[in-house]
PDB file of N, CA and C in Angstrom:
ATOM      1  N   MET A   1       0.847  -1.185   0.000  1.00  0.00           N
ATOM      2  CA  MET A   1       0.000   0.000   0.000  1.00  0.00           C
ATOM      3  C   MET A   1       0.887   1.241   0.000  1.00  0.00           C
ATOM      4  N   LEU A   2       0.569   2.161  -0.880  1.00  0.00           N
ATOM      5  CA  LEU A   2       1.300   3.420  -0.945  1.00  0.00           C
ATOM      6  C   LEU A   2       0.759   4.383   0.101  1.00  0.00           C
ATOM      7  N   ASN A   3       1.629   5.198   0.656  1.00  0.00           N
ATOM      8  CA  ASN A   3       1.219   6.222   1.607  1.00  0.00           C
ATOM      9  C   ASN A   3       0.954   7.508   0.823  1.00  0.00           C
ATOM     10  N   LEU A   4      -0.188   7.573   0.165  1.00  0.00           N
ATOM     11  CA  LEU A   4      -0.526   8.694  -0.705  1.00  0.00           C
ATOM     12  C   LEU A   4      -1.031   9.890   0.081  1.00  0.00           C
ATOM     13  N   GLN A   5      -0.785  11.067  -0.482  1.00  0.00           N
ATOM     14  CA  GLN A   5      -1.298  12.316   0.076  1.00  0.00           C
ATOM     15  C   GLN A   5      -1.828  13.161  -1.071  1.00  0.00           C
ATOM     16  N   SER A   6      -2.698  14.091  -0.749  1.00  0.00           N
ATOM     17  CA  SER A   6      -3.214  15.007  -1.760  1.00  0.00           C
ATOM     18  C   SER A   6      -2.049  15.729  -2.422  1.00  0.00           C
ATOM     19  N   GLY A   7      -2.110  15.838  -3.736  1.00  0.00           N
ATOM     20  CA  GLY A   7      -1.055  16.506  -4.486  1.00  0.00           C
ATOM     21  C   GLY A   7       0.012  15.567  -5.024  1.00  0.00           C
ATOM     22  N   ASP A   8       0.047  14.321  -4.550  1.00  0.00           N
ATOM     23  CA  ASP A   8       1.028  13.360  -5.059  1.00  0.00           C
ATOM     24  C   ASP A   8       0.783  13.090  -6.538  1.00  0.00           C
ATOM     25  N   ARG A   9       1.869  12.944  -7.284  1.00  0.00           N
ATOM     26  CA  ARG A   9       1.787  12.570  -8.691  1.00  0.00           C
ATOM     27  C   ARG A   9       1.940  11.058  -8.760  1.00  0.00           C
ATOM     28  N   VAL A  10       1.020  10.416  -9.464  1.00  0.00           N
ATOM     29  CA  VAL A  10       1.031   8.960  -9.586  1.00  0.00           C
ATOM     30  C   VAL A  10       0.933   8.567 -11.052  1.00  0.00           C
ATOM     31  N   GLU A  11       1.291   7.323 -11.319  1.00  0.00           N
ATOM     32  CA  GLU A  11       1.060   6.755 -12.631  1.00  0.00           C
ATOM     33  C   GLU A  11       0.517   5.359 -12.420  1.00  0.00           C
ATOM     34  N   PHE A  12      -0.368   4.969 -13.325  1.00  0.00           N
ATOM     35  CA  PHE A  12      -0.948   3.640 -13.209  1.00  0.00           C
ATOM     36  C   PHE A  12      -1.182   3.047 -14.584  1.00  0.00           C
ATOM     37  N   SER A  13      -1.271   1.731 -14.588  1.00  0.00           N
ATOM     38  CA  SER A  13      -1.587   1.007 -15.814  1.00  0.00           C
ATOM     39  C   SER A  13      -2.521  -0.128 -15.450  1.00  0.00           C
ATOM     40  N   PHE A  14      -3.377  -0.471 -16.378  1.00  0.00           N
ATOM     41  CA  PHE A  14      -4.276  -1.599 -16.171  1.00  0.00           C
ATOM     42  C   PHE A  14      -3.472  -2.880 -16.282  1.00  0.00           C
ATOM     43  N   GLU A  15      -3.733  -3.817 -15.401  1.00  0.00           N
ATOM     44  CA  GLU A  15      -2.972  -5.067 -15.419  1.00  0.00           C
ATOM     45  C   GLU A  15      -3.226  -5.866 -16.692  1.00  0.00           C
ATOM     46  N   ASP A  16      -4.385  -5.667 -17.325  1.00  0.00           N
ATOM     47  CA  ASP A  16      -4.662  -6.377 -18.567  1.00  0.00           C
ATOM     48  C   ASP A  16      -4.177  -5.614 -19.810  1.00  0.00           C
ATOM     49  N   ALA A  17      -3.595  -4.427 -19.609  1.00  0.00           N
ATOM     50  CA  ALA A  17      -3.017  -3.631 -20.696  1.00  0.00           C
ATOM     51  C   ALA A  17      -1.834  -2.833 -20.149  1.00  0.00           C
ATOM     52  N   PRO A  18      -0.772  -3.514 -19.713  1.00  0.00           N
ATOM     53  CA  PRO A  18       0.314  -2.848 -18.982  1.00  0.00           C
ATOM     54  C   PRO A  18       1.181  -1.900 -19.803  1.00  0.00           C
ATOM     55  N   THR A  19       1.061  -1.898 -21.117  1.00  0.00           N
ATOM     56  CA  THR A  19       1.922  -1.039 -21.923  1.00  0.00           C
ATOM     57  C   THR A  19       1.474   0.422 -21.928  1.00  0.00           C
ATOM     58  N   THR A  20       0.239   0.686 -21.531  1.00  0.00           N
ATOM     59  CA  THR A  20      -0.271   2.057 -21.487  1.00  0.00           C
ATOM     60  C   THR A  20      -0.207   2.572 -20.060  1.00  0.00           C
ATOM     61  N   THR A  21       0.543   3.656 -19.862  1.00  0.00           N
ATOM     62  CA  THR A  21       0.672   4.262 -18.540  1.00  0.00           C
ATOM     63  C   THR A  21      -0.113   5.566 -18.515  1.00  0.00           C
ATOM     64  N   ILE A  22      -0.875   5.761 -17.448  1.00  0.00           N
ATOM     65  CA  ILE A  22      -1.699   6.955 -17.277  1.00  0.00           C
ATOM     66  C   ILE A  22      -1.165   7.729 -16.080  1.00  0.00           C
ATOM     67  N   CYS A  23      -0.925   9.021 -16.254  1.00  0.00           N
ATOM     68  CA  CYS A  23      -0.427   9.875 -15.173  1.00  0.00           C
ATOM     69  C   CYS A  23      -1.575  10.685 -14.599  1.00  0.00           C
ATOM     70  N   ALA A  24      -1.506  10.917 -13.281  1.00  0.00           N
ATOM     71  CA  ALA A  24      -2.583  11.637 -12.604  1.00  0.00           C
ATOM     72  C   ALA A  24      -2.050  12.298 -11.335  1.00  0.00           C
ATOM     73  N   THR A  25      -2.870  13.175 -10.773  1.00  0.00           N
ATOM     74  CA  THR A  25      -2.567  13.836  -9.508  1.00  0.00           C
ATOM     75  C   THR A  25      -3.640  13.454  -8.505  1.00  0.00           C
ATOM     76  N   VAL A  26      -3.211  13.087  -7.294  1.00  0.00           N
ATOM     77  CA  VAL A  26      -4.148  12.720  -6.236  1.00  0.00           C
ATOM     78  C   VAL A  26      -4.843  13.984  -5.739  1.00  0.00           C
ATOM     79  N   GLY A  27      -6.160  13.942  -5.721  1.00  0.00           N
ATOM     80  CA  GLY A  27      -6.941  15.075  -5.217  1.00  0.00           C
ATOM     81  C   GLY A  27      -7.287  14.897  -3.752  1.00  0.00           C
ATOM     82  N   ARG A  28      -8.076  13.869  -3.468  1.00  0.00           N
ATOM     83  CA  ARG A  28      -8.505  13.616  -2.087  1.00  0.00           C
ATOM     84  C   ARG A  28      -8.458  12.124  -1.804  1.00  0.00           C
ATOM     85  N   LEU A  29      -8.249  11.805  -0.538  1.00  0.00           N
ATOM     86  CA  LEU A  29      -8.321  10.439  -0.039  1.00  0.00           C
ATOM     87  C   LEU A  29      -9.555  10.358   0.835  1.00  0.00           C
ATOM     88  N   LEU A  30     -10.446   9.435   0.505  1.00  0.00           N
ATOM     89  CA  LEU A  30     -11.739   9.392   1.171  1.00  0.00           C
ATOM     90  C   LEU A  30     -11.962   8.063   1.878  1.00  0.00           C
ATOM     91  N   THR A  31     -12.761   8.111   2.929  1.00  0.00           N
ATOM     92  CA  THR A  31     -13.178   6.905   3.627  1.00  0.00           C
ATOM     93  C   THR A  31     -14.511   6.438   3.062  1.00  0.00           C
ATOM     94  N   ASP A  32     -14.955   5.281   3.493  1.00  0.00           N
ATOM     95  CA  ASP A  32     -16.260   4.773   3.071  1.00  0.00           C
ATOM     96  C   ASP A  32     -17.363   5.751   3.465  1.00  0.00           C
ATOM     97  N   GLN A  33     -17.264   6.323   4.657  1.00  0.00           N
ATOM     98  CA  GLN A  33     -18.268   7.263   5.122  1.00  0.00           C
ATOM     99  C   GLN A  33     -18.273   8.528   4.266  1.00  0.00           C
ATOM    100  N   ASP A  34     -17.095   9.005   3.858  1.00  0.00           N
ATOM    101  CA  ASP A  34     -17.007  10.176   2.980  1.00  0.00           C
ATOM    102  C   ASP A  34     -17.727   9.922   1.656  1.00  0.00           C
ATOM    103  N   GLU A  35     -17.676   8.679   1.185  1.00  0.00           N
ATOM    104  CA  GLU A  35     -18.310   8.299  -0.071  1.00  0.00           C
ATOM    105  C   GLU A  35     -19.787   7.960   0.116  1.00  0.00           C
ATOM    106  N   GLY A  36     -20.286   8.028   1.350  1.00  0.00           N
ATOM    107  CA  GLY A  36     -21.690   7.752   1.615  1.00  0.00           C
ATOM    108  C   GLY A  36     -22.033   6.281   1.647  1.00  0.00           C
ATOM    109  N   MET A  37     -21.047   5.448   1.904  1.00  0.00           N
ATOM    110  CA  MET A  37     -21.262   4.002   1.938  1.00  0.00           C
ATOM    111  C   MET A  37     -21.544   3.538   3.369  1.00  0.00           C
ATOM    112  N   GLY A  38     -22.246   2.433   3.476  1.00  0.00           N
ATOM    113  CA  GLY A  38     -22.542   1.841   4.776  1.00  0.00           C
ATOM    114  C   GLY A  38     -21.389   0.985   5.264  1.00  0.00           C
ATOM    115  N   PHE A  39     -21.536   0.459   6.459  1.00  0.00           N
ATOM    116  CA  PHE A  39     -20.466  -0.321   7.070  1.00  0.00           C
ATOM    117  C   PHE A  39     -20.194  -1.636   6.338  1.00  0.00           C
ATOM    118  N   GLU A  40     -21.148  -2.107   5.531  1.00  0.00           N
ATOM    119  CA  GLU A  40     -20.964  -3.362   4.811  1.00  0.00           C
ATOM    120  C   GLU A  40     -19.790  -3.304   3.833  1.00  0.00           C
ATOM    121  N   ILE A  41     -19.539  -2.150   3.265  1.00  0.00           N
ATOM    122  CA  ILE A  41     -18.485  -1.998   2.252  1.00  0.00           C
ATOM    123  C   ILE A  41     -17.093  -2.115   2.865  1.00  0.00           C
ATOM    124  N   GLU A  42     -16.974  -1.939   4.204  1.00  0.00           N
ATOM    125  CA  GLU A  42     -15.674  -2.022   4.870  1.00  0.00           C
ATOM    126  C   GLU A  42     -14.984  -3.354   4.623  1.00  0.00           C
ATOM    127  N   GLU A  43     -15.744  -4.385   4.301  1.00  0.00           N
ATOM    128  CA  GLU A  43     -15.148  -5.692   4.025  1.00  0.00           C
ATOM    129  C   GLU A  43     -14.460  -5.729   2.670  1.00  0.00           C
ATOM    130  N   TYR A  44     -14.722  -4.746   1.808  1.00  0.00           N
ATOM    131  CA  TYR A  44     -14.216  -4.782   0.444  1.00  0.00           C
ATOM    132  C   TYR A  44     -13.296  -3.620   0.080  1.00  0.00           C
ATOM    133  N   ILE A  45     -13.626  -2.419   0.541  1.00  0.00           N
ATOM    134  CA  ILE A  45     -12.890  -1.221   0.151  1.00  0.00           C
ATOM    135  C   ILE A  45     -12.209  -0.613   1.378  1.00  0.00           C
ATOM    136  N   ALA A  46     -10.892  -0.387   1.277  1.00  0.00           N
ATOM    137  CA  ALA A  46     -10.141   0.224   2.372  1.00  0.00           C
ATOM    138  C   ALA A  46     -10.006   1.735   2.195  1.00  0.00           C
ATOM    139  N   ARG A  47      -9.901   2.190   0.937  1.00  0.00           N
ATOM    140  CA  ARG A  47      -9.710   3.617   0.686  1.00  0.00           C
ATOM    141  C   ARG A  47     -10.190   3.965  -0.708  1.00  0.00           C
ATOM    142  N   TRP A  48     -10.708   5.177  -0.844  1.00  0.00           N
ATOM    143  CA  TRP A  48     -11.139   5.744  -2.119  1.00  0.00           C
ATOM    144  C   TRP A  48     -10.161   6.875  -2.436  1.00  0.00           C
ATOM    145  N   ILE A  49      -9.646   6.903  -3.651  1.00  0.00           N
ATOM    146  CA  ILE A  49      -8.621   7.882  -4.026  1.00  0.00           C
ATOM    147  C   ILE A  49      -9.118   8.649  -5.240  1.00  0.00           C
ATOM    148  N   GLU A  50      -9.445   9.920  -5.043  1.00  0.00           N
ATOM    149  CA  GLU A  50      -9.863  10.762  -6.163  1.00  0.00           C
ATOM    150  C   GLU A  50      -8.608  11.279  -6.861  1.00  0.00           C
ATOM    151  N   VAL A  51      -8.560  11.115  -8.188  1.00  0.00           N
ATOM    152  CA  VAL A  51      -7.428  11.601  -8.966  1.00  0.00           C
ATOM    153  C   VAL A  51      -7.926  12.413 -10.152  1.00  0.00           C
ATOM    154  N   THR A  52      -7.043  13.266 -10.643  1.00  0.00           N
ATOM    155  CA  THR A  52      -7.286  14.000 -11.879  1.00  0.00           C
ATOM    156  C   THR A  52      -6.262  13.512 -12.890  1.00  0.00           C
ATOM    157  N   VAL A  53      -6.750  12.921 -13.969  1.00  0.00           N
ATOM    158  CA  VAL A  53      -5.893  12.352 -15.013  1.00  0.00           C
ATOM    159  C   VAL A  53      -5.343  13.482 -15.874  1.00  0.00           C
ATOM    160  N   ASP A  54      -4.052  13.376 -16.207  1.00  0.00           N
ATOM    161  CA  ASP A  54      -3.418  14.368 -17.085  1.00  0.00           C
ATOM    162  C   ASP A  54      -4.038  14.328 -18.472  1.00  0.00           C
ATOM    163  N   GLU A  55      -4.038  15.455 -19.115  1.00  0.00           N
ATOM    164  CA  GLU A  55      -4.495  15.556 -20.501  1.00  0.00           C
ATOM    165  C   GLU A  55      -3.318  15.274 -21.423  1.00  0.00           C
ATOM    166  N   PRO A  56      -3.501  14.824 -22.602  1.00  0.00           N
ATOM    167  CA  PRO A  56      -4.752  14.329 -23.147  1.00  0.00           C
ATOM    168  C   PRO A  56      -4.959  12.877 -22.735  1.00  0.00           C
ATOM    169  N   SER A  57      -6.195  12.535 -22.590  1.00  0.00           N
ATOM    170  CA  SER A  57      -6.546  11.167 -22.227  1.00  0.00           C
ATOM    171  C   SER A  57      -7.920  10.865 -22.790  1.00  0.00           C
ATOM    172  N   ALA A  58      -8.144   9.615 -23.089  1.00  0.00           N
ATOM    173  CA  ALA A  58      -9.434   9.203 -23.630  1.00  0.00           C
ATOM    174  C   ALA A  58     -10.473   9.034 -22.529  1.00  0.00           C
ATOM    175  N   MET A  59     -10.065   9.173 -21.273  1.00  0.00           N
ATOM    176  CA  MET A  59     -11.010   8.998 -20.167  1.00  0.00           C
ATOM    177  C   MET A  59     -11.324  10.337 -19.512  1.00  0.00           C
ATOM    178  N   ASP A  60     -12.416  10.353 -18.770  1.00  0.00           N
ATOM    179  CA  ASP A  60     -12.816  11.525 -18.004  1.00  0.00           C
ATOM    180  C   ASP A  60     -11.659  11.897 -17.069  1.00  0.00           C
ATOM    181  N   PRO A  61     -11.309  13.187 -16.964  1.00  0.00           N
ATOM    182  CA  PRO A  61     -10.166  13.563 -16.130  1.00  0.00           C
ATOM    183  C   PRO A  61     -10.360  13.271 -14.634  1.00  0.00           C
ATOM    184  N   LYS A  62     -11.578  13.252 -14.150  1.00  0.00           N
ATOM    185  CA  LYS A  62     -11.838  12.949 -12.738  1.00  0.00           C
ATOM    186  C   LYS A  62     -12.161  11.462 -12.602  1.00  0.00           C
ATOM    187  N   GLN A  63     -11.354  10.752 -11.820  1.00  0.00           N
ATOM    188  CA  GLN A  63     -11.546   9.322 -11.618  1.00  0.00           C
ATOM    189  C   GLN A  63     -11.412   8.995 -10.133  1.00  0.00           C
ATOM    190  N   VAL A  64     -11.975   7.876  -9.731  1.00  0.00           N
ATOM    191  CA  VAL A  64     -11.852   7.401  -8.351  1.00  0.00           C
ATOM    192  C   VAL A  64     -11.237   6.007  -8.397  1.00  0.00           C
ATOM    193  N   LEU A  65     -10.053   5.901  -7.801  1.00  0.00           N
ATOM    194  CA  LEU A  65      -9.384   4.618  -7.682  1.00  0.00           C
ATOM    195  C   LEU A  65      -9.800   3.992  -6.359  1.00  0.00           C
ATOM    196  N   LEU A  66      -9.930   2.684  -6.347  1.00  0.00           N
ATOM    197  CA  LEU A  66     -10.293   1.976  -5.126  1.00  0.00           C
ATOM    198  C   LEU A  66      -9.103   1.164  -4.652  1.00  0.00           C
ATOM    199  N   PHE A  67      -8.841   1.212  -3.355  1.00  0.00           N
ATOM    200  CA  PHE A  67      -7.855   0.322  -2.753  1.00  0.00           C
ATOM    201  C   PHE A  67      -8.640  -0.659  -1.907  1.00  0.00           C
ATOM    202  N   GLY A  68      -8.640  -1.907  -2.319  1.00  0.00           N
ATOM    203  CA  GLY A  68      -9.454  -2.921  -1.661  1.00  0.00           C
ATOM    204  C   GLY A  68      -8.773  -3.555  -0.464  1.00  0.00           C
ATOM    205  N   THR A  69      -9.580  -4.237   0.322  1.00  0.00           N
ATOM    206  CA  THR A  69      -9.044  -4.953   1.485  1.00  0.00           C
ATOM    207  C   THR A  69      -8.194  -6.142   1.056  1.00  0.00           C
ATOM    208  N   ASP A  70      -8.205  -6.473  -0.236  1.00  0.00           N
ATOM    209  CA  ASP A  70      -7.330  -7.524  -0.775  1.00  0.00           C
ATOM    210  C   ASP A  70      -5.982  -6.943  -1.225  1.00  0.00           C
ATOM    211  N   PHE A  71      -5.733  -5.660  -0.879  1.00  0.00           N
ATOM    212  CA  PHE A  71      -4.490  -4.950  -1.193  1.00  0.00           C
ATOM    213  C   PHE A  71      -4.286  -4.758  -2.695  1.00  0.00           C
ATOM    214  N   GLN A  72      -5.368  -4.667  -3.447  1.00  0.00           N
ATOM    215  CA  GLN A  72      -5.320  -4.431  -4.887  1.00  0.00           C
ATOM    216  C   GLN A  72      -5.973  -3.085  -5.192  1.00  0.00           C
ATOM    217  N   TYR A  73      -5.397  -2.363  -6.149  1.00  0.00           N
ATOM    218  CA  TYR A  73      -5.983  -1.117  -6.629  1.00  0.00           C
ATOM    219  C   TYR A  73      -6.837  -1.434  -7.850  1.00  0.00           C
ATOM    220  N   ARG A  74      -7.957  -0.705  -7.989  1.00  0.00           N
ATOM    221  CA  ARG A  74      -8.864  -0.911  -9.119  1.00  0.00           C
ATOM    222  C   ARG A  74      -9.400   0.429  -9.622  1.00  0.00           C
ATOM    223  N   LEU A  75      -9.700   0.437 -10.910  1.00  0.00           N
ATOM    224  CA  LEU A  75     -10.380   1.560 -11.538  1.00  0.00           C
ATOM    225  C   LEU A  75     -11.465   0.965 -12.417  1.00  0.00           C
ATOM    226  N   ASN A  76     -12.697   1.339 -12.162  1.00  0.00           N
ATOM    227  CA  ASN A  76     -13.844   0.818 -12.918  1.00  0.00           C
ATOM    228  C   ASN A  76     -13.866  -0.709 -12.945  1.00  0.00           C
ATOM    229  N   GLY A  77     -13.502  -1.320 -11.839  1.00  0.00           N
ATOM    230  CA  GLY A  77     -13.540  -2.772 -11.723  1.00  0.00           C
ATOM    231  C   GLY A  77     -12.326  -3.489 -12.280  1.00  0.00           C
ATOM    232  N   ARG A  78     -11.448  -2.781 -12.951  1.00  0.00           N
ATOM    233  CA  ARG A  78     -10.241  -3.388 -13.528  1.00  0.00           C
ATOM    234  C   ARG A  78      -9.060  -3.174 -12.595  1.00  0.00           C
ATOM    235  N   ARG A  79      -8.277  -4.232 -12.380  1.00  0.00           N
ATOM    236  CA  ARG A  79      -7.102  -4.110 -11.527  1.00  0.00           C
ATOM    237  C   ARG A  79      -6.057  -3.246 -12.199  1.00  0.00           C
ATOM    238  N   ILE A  80      -5.425  -2.401 -11.386  1.00  0.00           N
ATOM    239  CA  ILE A  80      -4.369  -1.524 -11.883  1.00  0.00           C
ATOM    240  C   ILE A  80      -3.124  -1.685 -11.026  1.00  0.00           C
ATOM    241  N   THR A  81      -1.993  -1.312 -11.610  1.00  0.00           N
ATOM    242  CA  THR A  81      -0.747  -1.194 -10.879  1.00  0.00           C
ATOM    243  C   THR A  81      -0.521   0.297 -10.685  1.00  0.00           C
ATOM    244  N   LEU A  82      -0.388   0.728  -9.432  1.00  0.00           N
ATOM    245  CA  LEU A  82      -0.267   2.154  -9.094  1.00  0.00           C
ATOM    246  C   LEU A  82       1.104   2.406  -8.501  1.00  0.00           C
ATOM    247  N   ARG A  83       1.772   3.475  -8.980  1.00  0.00           N
ATOM    248  CA  ARG A  83       3.094   3.853  -8.493  1.00  0.00           C
ATOM    249  C   ARG A  83       3.145   5.350  -8.291  1.00  0.00           C
ATOM    250  N   LEU A  84       3.992   5.788  -7.347  1.00  0.00           N
ATOM    251  CA  LEU A  84       4.291   7.208  -7.246  1.00  0.00           C
ATOM    252  C   LEU A  84       5.163   7.582  -8.426  1.00  0.00           C
ATOM    253  N   LYS A  85       4.876   8.718  -9.009  1.00  0.00           N
ATOM    254  CA  LYS A  85       5.645   9.179 -10.161  1.00  0.00           C
ATOM    255  C   LYS A  85       6.906   9.853  -9.669  1.00  0.00           C
ATOM    256  N   ASP A  86       8.016   9.595 -10.348  1.00  0.00           N
ATOM    257  CA  ASP A  86       9.296  10.242  -9.989  1.00  0.00           C
ATOM    258  C   ASP A  86       9.156  11.747 -10.121  1.00  0.00           C
ATOM    259  N   ALA A  87       9.763  12.443  -9.175  1.00  0.00           N
ATOM    260  CA  ALA A  87       9.681  13.913  -9.180  1.00  0.00           C
ATOM    261  C   ALA A  87      10.522  14.513 -10.274  1.00  0.00           C
TER     262      ALA A  87
END
């Protein structure tokens, strides 16, 4: 698990398409309660990470990455590999 903070620059790629890297900036780190979820979701999601994807990109610039209790990051249900971007 990465120790992310607002403003961190990250890059990620989908595990099923690792050759494409997407760069983004962390906006906010949210809890289940911040996202309006009930206590049932605590078994699945550990953290919600709002990011802004760099332009140009084929996806909406505002995205929410999920860090699951299985220690995997996901975007739209697809597993991703997430790294801090070199400064």
